[in-house]
Amino acid sequence: MDERRKAQRLRALKAGTISFNRAGGINCRVRNMSTAGACLEVDSQIGIPDKFVLVVSYDKFQQPCQVIWCSETRMGVAFPAV
């Protein structure tokens, strides 16, 4: 299988928050992450917009995201190029 990612992802298991509309957020788990994107695990895709901010409080990480793919409980997101 050919690797299509722009940057190699490092395995992770961190608590994160999907934040949008200045409201609370939806809890998620960060399964892997790179400088270009991440794989997130959620309980349900319902109510999650295509664009949001990923927050990982432990790492003081906050990054806008765009959903690239999704399955029932996982989604791949890309971080926009600066």
Protein backbone atom coordinates (compact mmCIF):
# COMPACT_ATOMS: atom_id res chain seq x y z
CA MET A 1 0.00 0.00 0.00
CA ASP A 2 1.36 3.43 -0.96
CA GLU A 3 1.66 6.09 1.73
CA ARG A 4 -0.33 9.15 0.66
CA ARG A 5 0.28 11.39 3.67
CA LYS A 6 2.42 14.49 3.26
CA ALA A 7 4.08 13.98 6.66
CA GLN A 8 4.66 10.85 8.72
CA ARG A 9 2.20 10.53 11.59
CA LEU A 10 3.30 9.56 15.06
CA ARG A 11 1.10 7.28 17.15
CA ALA A 12 -0.62 8.97 20.07
CA LEU A 13 -3.44 8.45 22.52
CA LYS A 14 -4.34 11.85 23.91
CA ALA A 15 -7.57 13.45 25.05
CA GLY A 16 -8.74 16.22 22.77
CA THR A 17 -11.68 18.53 22.19
CA ILE A 18 -13.39 19.40 18.92
CA SER A 19 -14.27 23.05 19.37
CA PHE A 20 -16.58 25.13 17.13
CA ASN A 21 -19.00 28.08 17.33
CA ARG A 22 -17.39 29.29 20.58
CA ALA A 23 -19.58 26.75 22.37
CA GLY A 24 -18.30 23.92 24.56
CA GLY A 25 -16.89 21.07 22.56
CA ILE A 26 -17.04 17.41 21.68
CA ASN A 27 -14.57 15.08 23.36
CA CYS A 28 -12.28 13.02 21.13
CA ARG A 29 -9.15 10.91 21.29
CA VAL A 30 -6.14 11.76 19.14
CA ARG A 31 -4.89 8.44 17.72
CA ASN A 32 -2.01 9.82 15.64
CA MET A 33 -0.73 13.24 14.63
CA SER A 34 1.75 14.97 12.34
CA THR A 35 2.46 18.52 11.29
CA ALA A 36 -0.05 18.06 8.44
CA GLY A 37 -2.98 16.38 10.23
CA ALA A 38 -4.34 13.84 12.68
CA CYS A 39 -6.62 10.86 13.15
CA LEU A 40 -9.34 11.42 15.74
CA GLU A 41 -11.62 8.91 17.41
CA VAL A 42 -15.11 10.02 18.47
CA ASP A 43 -18.19 8.35 19.92
CA SER A 44 -20.37 9.72 17.10
CA GLN A 45 -19.93 11.89 14.00
CA ILE A 46 -23.30 13.58 14.57
CA GLY A 47 -23.02 17.33 14.97
CA ILE A 48 -19.36 17.63 14.02
CA PRO A 49 -18.83 20.24 11.27
CA ASP A 50 -16.32 19.91 8.41
CA LYS A 51 -14.15 22.68 9.91
CA PHE A 52 -13.34 23.08 13.59
CA VAL A 53 -10.50 23.72 16.04
CA LEU A 54 -8.72 20.74 17.60
CA VAL A 55 -7.63 21.43 21.19
CA VAL A 56 -5.27 19.16 23.13
CA SER A 57 -5.03 20.85 26.54
CA TYR A 58 -2.23 18.62 27.85
CA ASP A 59 0.11 19.80 25.05
CA LYS A 60 -1.30 23.35 24.93
CA PHE A 61 -2.10 22.59 21.27
CA GLN A 62 -4.81 24.40 19.34
CA GLN A 63 -5.11 24.10 15.54
CA PRO A 64 -7.83 24.73 12.95
CA CYS A 65 -8.78 21.53 11.06
CA GLN A 66 -10.57 20.39 7.92
CA VAL A 67 -12.17 16.93 7.85
CA ILE A 68 -10.69 14.87 5.00
CA TRP A 69 -12.30 11.48 5.63
CA CYS A 70 -14.52 9.87 8.23
CA SER A 71 -15.89 6.51 9.28
CA GLU A 72 -18.37 5.65 12.00
CA THR A 73 -16.01 6.44 14.89
CA ARG A 74 -12.85 7.88 13.31
CA MET A 75 -11.96 10.88 11.20
CA GLY A 76 -8.87 12.13 9.45
CA VAL A 77 -8.26 15.87 9.59
CA ALA A 78 -5.78 18.12 7.83
CA PHE A 79 -4.21 21.21 9.32
CA PRO A 80 -4.24 24.10 6.84
CA ALA A 81 -0.87 25.19 5.42
CA VAL A 82 0.40 28.40 6.92
